[in-house]
Amino acid sequence: MDNKAQAALEYLLLIAGAVVVAAVVIIALGGITNSTQNKTHNTLTHWLTHIS
């Protein structure tokens, strides 16, 4: 019985670790996307002000 409990606990910890890694990746990708969006917006605004 102890082996089954240990296996279940290890499985739950593995899943928890995967969830944490996925959350970190999603947050990192969100930060990269926002940074790129801001740079693109600033560049377009800069070009448009020089054209007019």
PDB file of N, CA and C in Angstrom:
ATOM      1  N   MET A   1       0.825  -1.197   0.000  1.00  0.00           N
ATOM      2  CA  MET A   1       0.000   0.000   0.000  1.00  0.00           C
ATOM      3  C   MET A   1       0.865   1.254   0.000  1.00  0.00           C
ATOM      4  N   ASP A   2       2.000   1.225   0.684  1.00  0.00           N
ATOM      5  CA  ASP A   2       2.863   2.404   0.750  1.00  0.00           C
ATOM      6  C   ASP A   2       3.453   2.740  -0.616  1.00  0.00           C
ATOM      7  N   ASN A   3       3.748   1.710  -1.400  1.00  0.00           N
ATOM      8  CA  ASN A   3       4.316   1.954  -2.720  1.00  0.00           C
ATOM      9  C   ASN A   3       3.331   2.666  -3.628  1.00  0.00           C
ATOM     10  N   LYS A   4       2.052   2.325  -3.528  1.00  0.00           N
ATOM     11  CA  LYS A   4       1.030   2.982  -4.345  1.00  0.00           C
ATOM     12  C   LYS A   4       0.875   4.440  -3.940  1.00  0.00           C
ATOM     13  N   ALA A   5       0.912   4.705  -2.645  1.00  0.00           N
ATOM     14  CA  ALA A   5       0.792   6.086  -2.170  1.00  0.00           C
ATOM     15  C   ALA A   5       1.985   6.910  -2.629  1.00  0.00           C
ATOM     16  N   GLN A   6       3.169   6.332  -2.567  1.00  0.00           N
ATOM     17  CA  GLN A   6       4.369   7.044  -3.001  1.00  0.00           C
ATOM     18  C   GLN A   6       4.303   7.310  -4.503  1.00  0.00           C
ATOM     19  N   ALA A   7       3.870   6.340  -5.267  1.00  0.00           N
ATOM     20  CA  ALA A   7       3.761   6.510  -6.710  1.00  0.00           C
ATOM     21  C   ALA A   7       2.743   7.597  -7.041  1.00  0.00           C
ATOM     22  N   ALA A   8       1.632   7.622  -6.322  1.00  0.00           N
ATOM     23  CA  ALA A   8       0.609   8.643  -6.556  1.00  0.00           C
ATOM     24  C   ALA A   8       1.130  10.034  -6.225  1.00  0.00           C
ATOM     25  N   LEU A   9       1.848  10.145  -5.120  1.00  0.00           N
ATOM     26  CA  LEU A   9       2.412  11.431  -4.723  1.00  0.00           C
ATOM     27  C   LEU A   9       3.449  11.901  -5.742  1.00  0.00           C
ATOM     28  N   GLU A  10       4.304  11.012  -6.207  1.00  0.00           N
ATOM     29  CA  GLU A  10       5.293  11.372  -7.212  1.00  0.00           C
ATOM     30  C   GLU A  10       4.614  11.824  -8.500  1.00  0.00           C
ATOM     31  N   TYR A  11       3.539  11.161  -8.886  1.00  0.00           N
ATOM     32  CA  TYR A  11       2.792  11.521 -10.086  1.00  0.00           C
ATOM     33  C   TYR A  11       2.193  12.922  -9.934  1.00  0.00           C
ATOM     34  N   LEU A  12       1.593  13.204  -8.779  1.00  0.00           N
ATOM     35  CA  LEU A  12       1.015  14.524  -8.539  1.00  0.00           C
ATOM     36  C   LEU A  12       2.083  15.617  -8.543  1.00  0.00           C
ATOM     37  N   LEU A  13       3.241  15.334  -7.968  1.00  0.00           N
ATOM     38  CA  LEU A  13       4.327  16.311  -7.984  1.00  0.00           C
ATOM     39  C   LEU A  13       4.840  16.558  -9.400  1.00  0.00           C
ATOM     40  N   LEU A  14       4.889  15.508 -10.195  1.00  0.00           N
ATOM     41  CA  LEU A  14       5.313  15.655 -11.581  1.00  0.00           C
ATOM     42  C   LEU A  14       4.337  16.534 -12.355  1.00  0.00           C
ATOM     43  N   ILE A  15       3.051  16.300 -12.168  1.00  0.00           N
ATOM     44  CA  ILE A  15       2.042  17.115 -12.836  1.00  0.00           C
ATOM     45  C   ILE A  15       2.112  18.567 -12.351  1.00  0.00           C
ATOM     46  N   ALA A  16       2.295  18.775 -11.049  1.00  0.00           N
ATOM     47  CA  ALA A  16       2.409  20.135 -10.508  1.00  0.00           C
ATOM     48  C   ALA A  16       3.615  20.850 -11.112  1.00  0.00           C
ATOM     49  N   GLY A  17       4.720  20.149 -11.254  1.00  0.00           N
ATOM     50  CA  GLY A  17       5.905  20.738 -11.872  1.00  0.00           C
ATOM     51  C   GLY A  17       5.654  21.117 -13.317  1.00  0.00           C
ATOM     52  N   ALA A  18       4.947  20.280 -14.048  1.00  0.00           N
ATOM     53  CA  ALA A  18       4.623  20.580 -15.446  1.00  0.00           C
ATOM     54  C   ALA A  18       3.716  21.805 -15.539  1.00  0.00           C
ATOM     55  N   VAL A  19       2.784  21.933 -14.616  1.00  0.00           N
ATOM     56  CA  VAL A  19       1.886  23.103 -14.605  1.00  0.00           C
ATOM     57  C   VAL A  19       2.680  24.377 -14.329  1.00  0.00           C
ATOM     58  N   VAL A  20       3.617  24.314 -13.407  1.00  0.00           N
ATOM     59  CA  VAL A  20       4.446  25.486 -13.093  1.00  0.00           C
ATOM     60  C   VAL A  20       5.285  25.878 -14.307  1.00  0.00           C
ATOM     61  N   VAL A  21       5.894  24.908 -14.961  1.00  0.00           N
ATOM     62  CA  VAL A  21       6.699  25.199 -16.153  1.00  0.00           C
ATOM     63  C   VAL A  21       5.827  25.812 -17.243  1.00  0.00           C
ATOM     64  N   ALA A  22       4.639  25.268 -17.467  1.00  0.00           N
ATOM     65  CA  ALA A  22       3.743  25.808 -18.481  1.00  0.00           C
ATOM     66  C   ALA A  22       3.347  27.247 -18.149  1.00  0.00           C
ATOM     67  N   ALA A  23       3.074  27.534 -16.877  1.00  0.00           N
ATOM     68  CA  ALA A  23       2.703  28.889 -16.476  1.00  0.00           C
ATOM     69  C   ALA A  23       3.849  29.868 -16.723  1.00  0.00           C
ATOM     70  N   VAL A  24       5.063  29.461 -16.409  1.00  0.00           N
ATOM     71  CA  VAL A  24       6.225  30.331 -16.634  1.00  0.00           C
ATOM     72  C   VAL A  24       6.402  30.609 -18.125  1.00  0.00           C
ATOM     73  N   VAL A  25       6.242  29.597 -18.958  1.00  0.00           N
ATOM     74  CA  VAL A  25       6.373  29.779 -20.405  1.00  0.00           C
ATOM     75  C   VAL A  25       5.294  30.720 -20.925  1.00  0.00           C
ATOM     76  N   ILE A  26       4.068  30.553 -20.477  1.00  0.00           N
ATOM     77  CA  ILE A  26       2.972  31.419 -20.930  1.00  0.00           C
ATOM     78  C   ILE A  26       3.222  32.855 -20.509  1.00  0.00           C
ATOM     79  N   ILE A  27       3.665  33.065 -19.285  1.00  0.00           N
ATOM     80  CA  ILE A  27       3.947  34.424 -18.812  1.00  0.00           C
ATOM     81  C   ILE A  27       5.101  35.033 -19.604  1.00  0.00           C
ATOM     82  N   ALA A  28       6.141  34.253 -19.872  1.00  0.00           N
ATOM     83  CA  ALA A  28       7.284  34.756 -20.637  1.00  0.00           C
ATOM     84  C   ALA A  28       6.872  35.128 -22.058  1.00  0.00           C
ATOM     85  N   LEU A  29       6.081  34.292 -22.697  1.00  0.00           N
ATOM     86  CA  LEU A  29       5.625  34.592 -24.057  1.00  0.00           C
ATOM     87  C   LEU A  29       4.726  35.826 -24.066  1.00  0.00           C
ATOM     88  N   GLY A  30       3.929  35.988 -23.038  1.00  0.00           N
ATOM     89  CA  GLY A  30       3.084  37.182 -22.948  1.00  0.00           C
ATOM     90  C   GLY A  30       3.922  38.438 -22.827  1.00  0.00           C
ATOM     91  N   GLY A  31       4.992  38.393 -22.066  1.00  0.00           N
ATOM     92  CA  GLY A  31       5.873  39.549 -21.921  1.00  0.00           C
ATOM     93  C   GLY A  31       6.580  39.878 -23.219  1.00  0.00           C
ATOM     94  N   ILE A  32       7.024  38.862 -23.948  1.00  0.00           N
ATOM     95  CA  ILE A  32       7.687  39.077 -25.232  1.00  0.00           C
ATOM     96  C   ILE A  32       6.710  39.682 -26.232  1.00  0.00           C
ATOM     97  N   THR A  33       5.486  39.192 -26.248  1.00  0.00           N
ATOM     98  CA  THR A  33       4.472  39.699 -27.176  1.00  0.00           C
ATOM     99  C   THR A  33       4.166  41.161 -26.887  1.00  0.00           C
ATOM    100  N   ASN A  34       3.985  41.524 -25.610  1.00  0.00           N
ATOM    101  CA  ASN A  34       3.694  42.908 -25.263  1.00  0.00           C
ATOM    102  C   ASN A  34       4.858  43.816 -25.622  1.00  0.00           C
ATOM    103  N   SER A  35       6.080  43.365 -25.392  1.00  0.00           N
ATOM    104  CA  SER A  35       7.259  44.155 -25.712  1.00  0.00           C
ATOM    105  C   SER A  35       7.336  44.406 -27.218  1.00  0.00           C
ATOM    106  N   THR A  36       7.096  43.382 -28.002  1.00  0.00           N
ATOM    107  CA  THR A  36       7.133  43.508 -29.457  1.00  0.00           C
ATOM    108  C   THR A  36       6.024  44.434 -29.942  1.00  0.00           C
ATOM    109  N   GLN A  37       4.840  44.318 -29.364  1.00  0.00           N
ATOM    110  CA  GLN A  37       3.730  45.189 -29.740  1.00  0.00           C
ATOM    111  C   GLN A  37       4.070  46.637 -29.466  1.00  0.00           C
ATOM    112  N   ASN A  38       4.643  46.929 -28.312  1.00  0.00           N
ATOM    113  CA  ASN A  38       4.991  48.300 -27.964  1.00  0.00           C
ATOM    114  C   ASN A  38       6.050  48.854 -28.903  1.00  0.00           C
ATOM    115  N   LYS A  39       7.058  48.052 -29.240  1.00  0.00           N
ATOM    116  CA  LYS A  39       8.104  48.507 -30.158  1.00  0.00           C
ATOM    117  C   LYS A  39       7.523  48.799 -31.537  1.00  0.00           C
ATOM    118  N   THR A  40       6.644  47.918 -32.019  1.00  0.00           N
ATOM    119  CA  THR A  40       6.020  48.118 -33.326  1.00  0.00           C
ATOM    120  C   THR A  40       5.181  49.387 -33.321  1.00  0.00           C
ATOM    121  N   HIS A  41       4.407  49.580 -32.276  1.00  0.00           N
ATOM    122  CA  HIS A  41       3.570  50.780 -32.173  1.00  0.00           C
ATOM    123  C   HIS A  41       4.434  52.034 -32.166  1.00  0.00           C
ATOM    124  N   ASN A  42       5.508  52.040 -31.390  1.00  0.00           N
ATOM    125  CA  ASN A  42       6.394  53.205 -31.321  1.00  0.00           C
ATOM    126  C   ASN A  42       7.057  53.487 -32.664  1.00  0.00           C
ATOM    127  N   THR A  43       7.470  52.444 -33.365  1.00  0.00           N
ATOM    128  CA  THR A  43       8.108  52.622 -34.666  1.00  0.00           C
ATOM    129  C   THR A  43       7.126  53.204 -35.674  1.00  0.00           C
ATOM    130  N   LEU A  44       5.927  52.665 -35.712  1.00  0.00           N
ATOM    131  CA  LEU A  44       4.921  53.181 -36.650  1.00  0.00           C
ATOM    132  C   LEU A  44       4.553  54.622 -36.331  1.00  0.00           C
ATOM    133  N   THR A  45       4.423  54.932 -35.054  1.00  0.00           N
ATOM    134  CA  THR A  45       4.107  56.301 -34.659  1.00  0.00           C
ATOM    135  C   THR A  45       5.234  57.242 -35.082  1.00  0.00           C
ATOM    136  N   HIS A  46       6.465  56.808 -34.896  1.00  0.00           N
ATOM    137  CA  HIS A  46       7.626  57.614 -35.287  1.00  0.00           C
ATOM    138  C   HIS A  46       7.619  57.861 -36.789  1.00  0.00           C
ATOM    139  N   TRP A  47       7.382  56.826 -37.575  1.00  0.00           N
ATOM    140  CA  TRP A  47       7.357  56.979 -39.040  1.00  0.00           C
ATOM    141  C   TRP A  47       6.225  57.916 -39.478  1.00  0.00           C
ATOM    142  N   LEU A  48       5.053  57.742 -38.878  1.00  0.00           N
ATOM    143  CA  LEU A  48       3.912  58.557 -39.262  1.00  0.00           C
ATOM    144  C   LEU A  48       4.109  60.030 -38.929  1.00  0.00           C
ATOM    145  N   THR A  49       4.779  60.332 -37.834  1.00  0.00           N
ATOM    146  CA  THR A  49       5.010  61.728 -37.484  1.00  0.00           C
ATOM    147  C   THR A  49       6.029  62.366 -38.437  1.00  0.00           C
ATOM    148  N   HIS A  50       6.967  61.587 -38.968  1.00  0.00           N
ATOM    149  CA  HIS A  50       7.944  62.141 -39.901  1.00  0.00           C
ATOM    150  C   HIS A  50       7.369  62.289 -41.303  1.00  0.00           C
ATOM    151  N   ILE A  51       6.375  61.478 -41.639  1.00  0.00           N
ATOM    152  CA  ILE A  51       5.763  61.554 -42.967  1.00  0.00           C
ATOM    153  C   ILE A  51       4.890  62.811 -43.065  1.00  0.00           C
ATOM    154  N   SER A  52       4.170  63.140 -42.000  1.00  0.00           N
ATOM    155  CA  SER A  52       3.233  64.259 -42.065  1.00  0.00           C
ATOM    156  C   SER A  52       3.880  65.593 -42.021  1.00  0.00           C
TER     157      SER A  52
END
